[in-house]
Amino acid sequence: MKFNNELELIKVMGWTKSLKLTYILKELKNGKTKDEIFENLSGLMKPKSFSNYLNQINRIGDDIKFI
């Protein structure tokens, strides 16, 4: 499945999850490291949750075309 815009991703993942995924993916594409992104999210996301989002991005990141 390909995601050509944010609405398609929101329909499949829901608001909260899709916004977190797009934020992390945008930061990665802007050249930030995983450690830098996690540091910016300190207090907002637990390490295990962040790791789960990174794993999901590794699986579907290439299918997200709008970023």
PDB file of N, CA and C in Angstrom:
ATOM      1  N   MET A   1       0.844  -1.171   0.000  1.00  0.00           N
ATOM      2  CA  MET A   1       0.000   0.000   0.000  1.00  0.00           C
ATOM      3  C   MET A   1       0.889   1.234   0.000  1.00  0.00           C
ATOM      4  N   LYS A   2       0.570   2.190  -0.834  1.00  0.00           N
ATOM      5  CA  LYS A   2       1.306   3.447  -0.913  1.00  0.00           C
ATOM      6  C   LYS A   2       0.475   4.560  -0.295  1.00  0.00           C
ATOM      7  N   PHE A   3       1.145   5.492   0.362  1.00  0.00           N
ATOM      8  CA  PHE A   3       0.491   6.643   0.964  1.00  0.00           C
ATOM      9  C   PHE A   3       0.944   7.883   0.215  1.00  0.00           C
ATOM     10  N   ASN A   4       0.090   8.425  -0.623  1.00  0.00           N
ATOM     11  CA  ASN A   4       0.448   9.577  -1.445  1.00  0.00           C
ATOM     12  C   ASN A   4       0.166  10.912  -0.785  1.00  0.00           C
ATOM     13  N   ASN A   5      -0.614  10.908   0.280  1.00  0.00           N
ATOM     14  CA  ASN A   5      -0.868  12.145   1.024  1.00  0.00           C
ATOM     15  C   ASN A   5      -1.177  11.801   2.480  1.00  0.00           C
ATOM     16  N   GLU A   6      -1.200  12.834   3.303  1.00  0.00           N
ATOM     17  CA  GLU A   6      -1.397  12.616   4.742  1.00  0.00           C
ATOM     18  C   GLU A   6      -2.757  12.012   5.059  1.00  0.00           C
ATOM     19  N   LEU A   7      -3.772  12.372   4.300  1.00  0.00           N
ATOM     20  CA  LEU A   7      -5.112  11.862   4.565  1.00  0.00           C
ATOM     21  C   LEU A   7      -5.175  10.346   4.427  1.00  0.00           C
ATOM     22  N   GLU A   8      -4.491   9.797   3.440  1.00  0.00           N
ATOM     23  CA  GLU A   8      -4.465   8.336   3.270  1.00  0.00           C
ATOM     24  C   GLU A   8      -3.825   7.668   4.485  1.00  0.00           C
ATOM     25  N   LEU A   9      -2.741   8.242   4.979  1.00  0.00           N
ATOM     26  CA  LEU A   9      -2.071   7.677   6.154  1.00  0.00           C
ATOM     27  C   LEU A   9      -2.957   7.795   7.388  1.00  0.00           C
ATOM     28  N   ILE A  10      -3.635   8.915   7.552  1.00  0.00           N
ATOM     29  CA  ILE A  10      -4.526   9.116   8.699  1.00  0.00           C
ATOM     30  C   ILE A  10      -5.679   8.125   8.663  1.00  0.00           C
ATOM     31  N   LYS A  11      -6.223   7.853   7.478  1.00  0.00           N
ATOM     32  CA  LYS A  11      -7.331   6.888   7.368  1.00  0.00           C
ATOM     33  C   LYS A  11      -6.907   5.504   7.829  1.00  0.00           C
ATOM     34  N   VAL A  12      -5.669   5.122   7.554  1.00  0.00           N
ATOM     35  CA  VAL A  12      -5.197   3.790   7.918  1.00  0.00           C
ATOM     36  C   VAL A  12      -4.691   3.739   9.359  1.00  0.00           C
ATOM     37  N   MET A  13      -3.912   4.723   9.783  1.00  0.00           N
ATOM     38  CA  MET A  13      -3.247   4.682  11.077  1.00  0.00           C
ATOM     39  C   MET A  13      -3.978   5.439  12.184  1.00  0.00           C
ATOM     40  N   GLY A  14      -4.836   6.364  11.839  1.00  0.00           N
ATOM     41  CA  GLY A  14      -5.462   7.222  12.843  1.00  0.00           C
ATOM     42  C   GLY A  14      -4.638   8.488  13.032  1.00  0.00           C
ATOM     43  N   TRP A  15      -5.254   9.491  13.668  1.00  0.00           N
ATOM     44  CA  TRP A  15      -4.615  10.802  13.811  1.00  0.00           C
ATOM     45  C   TRP A  15      -3.316  10.740  14.598  1.00  0.00           C
ATOM     46  N   THR A  16      -3.383  10.224  15.799  1.00  0.00           N
ATOM     47  CA  THR A  16      -2.237  10.287  16.698  1.00  0.00           C
ATOM     48  C   THR A  16      -1.034   9.558  16.131  1.00  0.00           C
ATOM     49  N   LYS A  17      -1.237   8.334  15.719  1.00  0.00           N
ATOM     50  CA  LYS A  17      -0.134   7.527  15.221  1.00  0.00           C
ATOM     51  C   LYS A  17       0.453   8.114  13.939  1.00  0.00           C
ATOM     52  N   SER A  18      -0.392   8.539  13.026  1.00  0.00           N
ATOM     53  CA  SER A  18       0.114   9.056  11.750  1.00  0.00           C
ATOM     54  C   SER A  18       0.888  10.360  11.941  1.00  0.00           C
ATOM     55  N   LEU A  19       0.447  11.217  12.858  1.00  0.00           N
ATOM     56  CA  LEU A  19       1.172  12.464  13.089  1.00  0.00           C
ATOM     57  C   LEU A  19       2.542  12.209  13.706  1.00  0.00           C
ATOM     58  N   LYS A  20       2.625  11.240  14.610  1.00  0.00           N
ATOM     59  CA  LYS A  20       3.916  10.895  15.193  1.00  0.00           C
ATOM     60  C   LYS A  20       4.843  10.310  14.129  1.00  0.00           C
ATOM     61  N   LEU A  21       4.295   9.433  13.291  1.00  0.00           N
ATOM     62  CA  LEU A  21       5.101   8.837  12.221  1.00  0.00           C
ATOM     63  C   LEU A  21       5.613   9.900  11.256  1.00  0.00           C
ATOM     64  N   THR A  22       4.738  10.810  10.836  1.00  0.00           N
ATOM     65  CA  THR A  22       5.163  11.831   9.873  1.00  0.00           C
ATOM     66  C   THR A  22       6.185  12.779  10.493  1.00  0.00           C
ATOM     67  N   TYR A  23       6.029  13.123  11.768  1.00  0.00           N
ATOM     68  CA  TYR A  23       7.006  13.996  12.427  1.00  0.00           C
ATOM     69  C   TYR A  23       8.388  13.343  12.425  1.00  0.00           C
ATOM     70  N   ILE A  24       8.454  12.103  12.886  1.00  0.00           N
ATOM     71  CA  ILE A  24       9.742  11.408  12.967  1.00  0.00           C
ATOM     72  C   ILE A  24      10.336  11.230  11.578  1.00  0.00           C
ATOM     73  N   LEU A  25       9.528  10.854  10.611  1.00  0.00           N
ATOM     74  CA  LEU A  25      10.022  10.654   9.249  1.00  0.00           C
ATOM     75  C   LEU A  25      10.532  11.958   8.639  1.00  0.00           C
ATOM     76  N   LYS A  26       9.834  13.064   8.865  1.00  0.00           N
ATOM     77  CA  LYS A  26      10.291  14.367   8.364  1.00  0.00           C
ATOM     78  C   LYS A  26      11.638  14.742   8.984  1.00  0.00           C
ATOM     79  N   GLU A  27      11.765  14.510  10.274  1.00  0.00           N
ATOM     80  CA  GLU A  27      13.027  14.829  10.943  1.00  0.00           C
ATOM     81  C   GLU A  27      14.172  13.972  10.398  1.00  0.00           C
ATOM     82  N   LEU A  28      13.901  12.693  10.156  1.00  0.00           N
ATOM     83  CA  LEU A  28      14.929  11.816   9.582  1.00  0.00           C
ATOM     84  C   LEU A  28      15.331  12.290   8.194  1.00  0.00           C
ATOM     85  N   LYS A  29      14.355  12.673   7.395  1.00  0.00           N
ATOM     86  CA  LYS A  29      14.647  13.136   6.029  1.00  0.00           C
ATOM     87  C   LYS A  29      15.345  14.492   6.028  1.00  0.00           C
ATOM     88  N   ASN A  30      15.203  15.250   7.127  1.00  0.00           N
ATOM     89  CA  ASN A  30      15.906  16.534   7.247  1.00  0.00           C
ATOM     90  C   ASN A  30      17.332  16.358   7.764  1.00  0.00           C
ATOM     91  N   GLY A  31      17.760  15.104   7.935  1.00  0.00           N
ATOM     92  CA  GLY A  31      19.141  14.828   8.293  1.00  0.00           C
ATOM     93  C   GLY A  31      19.428  14.656   9.769  1.00  0.00           C
ATOM     94  N   LYS A  32      18.407  14.674  10.602  1.00  0.00           N
ATOM     95  CA  LYS A  32      18.631  14.476  12.033  1.00  0.00           C
ATOM     96  C   LYS A  32      18.830  12.991  12.319  1.00  0.00           C
ATOM     97  N   THR A  33      19.627  12.717  13.337  1.00  0.00           N
ATOM     98  CA  THR A  33      19.842  11.328  13.729  1.00  0.00           C
ATOM     99  C   THR A  33      18.700  10.883  14.642  1.00  0.00           C
ATOM    100  N   LYS A  34      18.603   9.584  14.836  1.00  0.00           N
ATOM    101  CA  LYS A  34      17.579   9.033  15.722  1.00  0.00           C
ATOM    102  C   LYS A  34      17.758   9.562  17.144  1.00  0.00           C
ATOM    103  N   ASP A  35      19.007   9.673  17.580  1.00  0.00           N
ATOM    104  CA  ASP A  35      19.275  10.181  18.932  1.00  0.00           C
ATOM    105  C   ASP A  35      18.850  11.636  19.072  1.00  0.00           C
ATOM    106  N   GLU A  36      19.104  12.454  18.056  1.00  0.00           N
ATOM    107  CA  GLU A  36      18.697  13.859  18.104  1.00  0.00           C
ATOM    108  C   GLU A  36      17.179  13.992  18.171  1.00  0.00           C
ATOM    109  N   ILE A  37      16.496  13.182  17.372  1.00  0.00           N
ATOM    110  CA  ILE A  37      15.028  13.236  17.358  1.00  0.00           C
ATOM    111  C   ILE A  37      14.482  12.823  18.716  1.00  0.00           C
ATOM    112  N   PHE A  38      15.013  11.725  19.267  1.00  0.00           N
ATOM    113  CA  PHE A  38      14.527  11.258  20.561  1.00  0.00           C
ATOM    114  C   PHE A  38      14.805  12.297  21.648  1.00  0.00           C
ATOM    115  N   GLU A  39      15.951  12.944  21.573  1.00  0.00           N
ATOM    116  CA  GLU A  39      16.285  13.983  22.553  1.00  0.00           C
ATOM    117  C   GLU A  39      15.285  15.141  22.477  1.00  0.00           C
ATOM    118  N   ASN A  40      14.879  15.511  21.257  1.00  0.00           N
ATOM    119  CA  ASN A  40      13.888  16.576  21.089  1.00  0.00           C
ATOM    120  C   ASN A  40      12.523  16.161  21.630  1.00  0.00           C
ATOM    121  N   LEU A  41      12.254  14.875  21.634  1.00  0.00           N
ATOM    122  CA  LEU A  41      10.969  14.363  22.106  1.00  0.00           C
ATOM    123  C   LEU A  41      10.992  13.950  23.575  1.00  0.00           C
ATOM    124  N   SER A  42      12.067  14.281  24.273  1.00  0.00           N
ATOM    125  CA  SER A  42      12.174  13.849  25.671  1.00  0.00           C
ATOM    126  C   SER A  42      10.990  14.370  26.476  1.00  0.00           C
ATOM    127  N   GLY A  43      10.407  13.474  27.228  1.00  0.00           N
ATOM    128  CA  GLY A  43       9.226  13.804  28.010  1.00  0.00           C
ATOM    129  C   GLY A  43       7.923  13.616  27.250  1.00  0.00           C
ATOM    130  N   LEU A  44       8.003  13.496  25.948  1.00  0.00           N
ATOM    131  CA  LEU A  44       6.795  13.315  25.136  1.00  0.00           C
ATOM    132  C   LEU A  44       6.594  11.865  24.697  1.00  0.00           C
ATOM    133  N   MET A  45       7.688  11.106  24.649  1.00  0.00           N
ATOM    134  CA  MET A  45       7.603   9.734  24.161  1.00  0.00           C
ATOM    135  C   MET A  45       8.620   8.887  24.914  1.00  0.00           C
ATOM    136  N   LYS A  46       8.192   7.708  25.321  1.00  0.00           N
ATOM    137  CA  LYS A  46       9.077   6.790  26.017  1.00  0.00           C
ATOM    138  C   LYS A  46       9.990   6.091  25.011  1.00  0.00           C
ATOM    139  N   PRO A  47      11.162   5.617  25.448  1.00  0.00           N
ATOM    140  CA  PRO A  47      12.112   4.975  24.537  1.00  0.00           C
ATOM    141  C   PRO A  47      11.528   3.788  23.771  1.00  0.00           C
ATOM    142  N   LYS A  48      10.757   2.946  24.447  1.00  0.00           N
ATOM    143  CA  LYS A  48      10.191   1.784  23.777  1.00  0.00           C
ATOM    144  C   LYS A  48       9.192   2.206  22.701  1.00  0.00           C
ATOM    145  N   SER A  49       8.391   3.200  22.990  1.00  0.00           N
ATOM    146  CA  SER A  49       7.430   3.709  22.016  1.00  0.00           C
ATOM    147  C   SER A  49       8.152   4.306  20.815  1.00  0.00           C
ATOM    148  N   PHE A  50       9.199   5.085  21.071  1.00  0.00           N
ATOM    149  CA  PHE A  50       9.990   5.672  19.985  1.00  0.00           C
ATOM    150  C   PHE A  50      10.588   4.578  19.114  1.00  0.00           C
ATOM    151  N   SER A  51      11.099   3.544  19.749  1.00  0.00           N
ATOM    152  CA  SER A  51      11.675   2.413  19.019  1.00  0.00           C
ATOM    153  C   SER A  51      10.619   1.727  18.145  1.00  0.00           C
ATOM    154  N   ASN A  52       9.401   1.591  18.667  1.00  0.00           N
ATOM    155  CA  ASN A  52       8.317   0.984  17.891  1.00  0.00           C
ATOM    156  C   ASN A  52       7.985   1.822  16.656  1.00  0.00           C
ATOM    157  N   TYR A  53       7.970   3.145  16.815  1.00  0.00           N
ATOM    158  CA  TYR A  53       7.708   4.023  15.669  1.00  0.00           C
ATOM    159  C   TYR A  53       8.829   3.929  14.636  1.00  0.00           C
ATOM    160  N   LEU A  54      10.076   3.848  15.098  1.00  0.00           N
ATOM    161  CA  LEU A  54      11.192   3.698  14.161  1.00  0.00           C
ATOM    162  C   LEU A  54      11.093   2.386  13.387  1.00  0.00           C
ATOM    163  N   ASN A  55      10.704   1.322  14.072  1.00  0.00           N
ATOM    164  CA  ASN A  55      10.527   0.033  13.394  1.00  0.00           C
ATOM    165  C   ASN A  55       9.439   0.119  12.340  1.00  0.00           C
ATOM    166  N   GLN A  56       8.360   0.806  12.663  1.00  0.00           N
ATOM    167  CA  GLN A  56       7.275   0.954  11.698  1.00  0.00           C
ATOM    168  C   GLN A  56       7.723   1.803  10.504  1.00  0.00           C
ATOM    169  N   ILE A  57       8.485   2.842  10.778  1.00  0.00           N
ATOM    170  CA  ILE A  57       9.011   3.669   9.691  1.00  0.00           C
ATOM    171  C   ILE A  57       9.939   2.847   8.799  1.00  0.00           C
ATOM    172  N   ASN A  58      10.730   1.979   9.387  1.00  0.00           N
ATOM    173  CA  ASN A  58      11.605   1.109   8.594  1.00  0.00           C
ATOM    174  C   ASN A  58      10.798   0.198   7.674  1.00  0.00           C
ATOM    175  N   ARG A  59       9.616  -0.226   8.153  1.00  0.00           N
ATOM    176  CA  ARG A  59       8.779  -1.107   7.333  1.00  0.00           C
ATOM    177  C   ARG A  59       8.037  -0.364   6.233  1.00  0.00           C
ATOM    178  N   ILE A  60       7.457   0.796   6.559  1.00  0.00           N
ATOM    179  CA  ILE A  60       6.580   1.461   5.587  1.00  0.00           C
ATOM    180  C   ILE A  60       7.100   2.813   5.098  1.00  0.00           C
ATOM    181  N   GLY A  61       8.258   3.236   5.567  1.00  0.00           N
ATOM    182  CA  GLY A  61       8.795   4.545   5.218  1.00  0.00           C
ATOM    183  C   GLY A  61       8.897   4.803   3.721  1.00  0.00           C
ATOM    184  N   ASP A  62       9.274   3.800   2.951  1.00  0.00           N
ATOM    185  CA  ASP A  62       9.401   3.963   1.495  1.00  0.00           C
ATOM    186  C   ASP A  62       8.049   4.114   0.817  1.00  0.00           C
ATOM    187  N   ASP A  63       6.980   3.677   1.477  1.00  0.00           N
ATOM    188  CA  ASP A  63       5.637   3.781   0.906  1.00  0.00           C
ATOM    189  C   ASP A  63       4.995   5.139   1.164  1.00  0.00           C
ATOM    190  N   ILE A  64       5.594   5.933   2.030  1.00  0.00           N
ATOM    191  CA  ILE A  64       5.052   7.267   2.322  1.00  0.00           C
ATOM    192  C   ILE A  64       5.673   8.252   1.348  1.00  0.00           C
ATOM    193  N   LYS A  65       4.913   8.659   0.362  1.00  0.00           N
ATOM    194  CA  LYS A  65       5.419   9.465  -0.751  1.00  0.00           C
ATOM    195  C   LYS A  65       5.299  10.959  -0.559  1.00  0.00           C
ATOM    196  N   PHE A  66       4.489  11.430   0.368  1.00  0.00           N
ATOM    197  CA  PHE A  66       4.215  12.861   0.467  1.00  0.00           C
ATOM    198  C   PHE A  66       5.242  13.616   1.295  1.00  0.00           C
ATOM    199  N   ILE A  67       6.181  12.925   1.897  1.00  0.00           N
ATOM    200  CA  ILE A  67       7.224  13.604   2.701  1.00  0.00           C
ATOM    201  C   ILE A  67       8.470  13.740   1.871  1.00  0.00           C
TER     202      ILE A  67
END
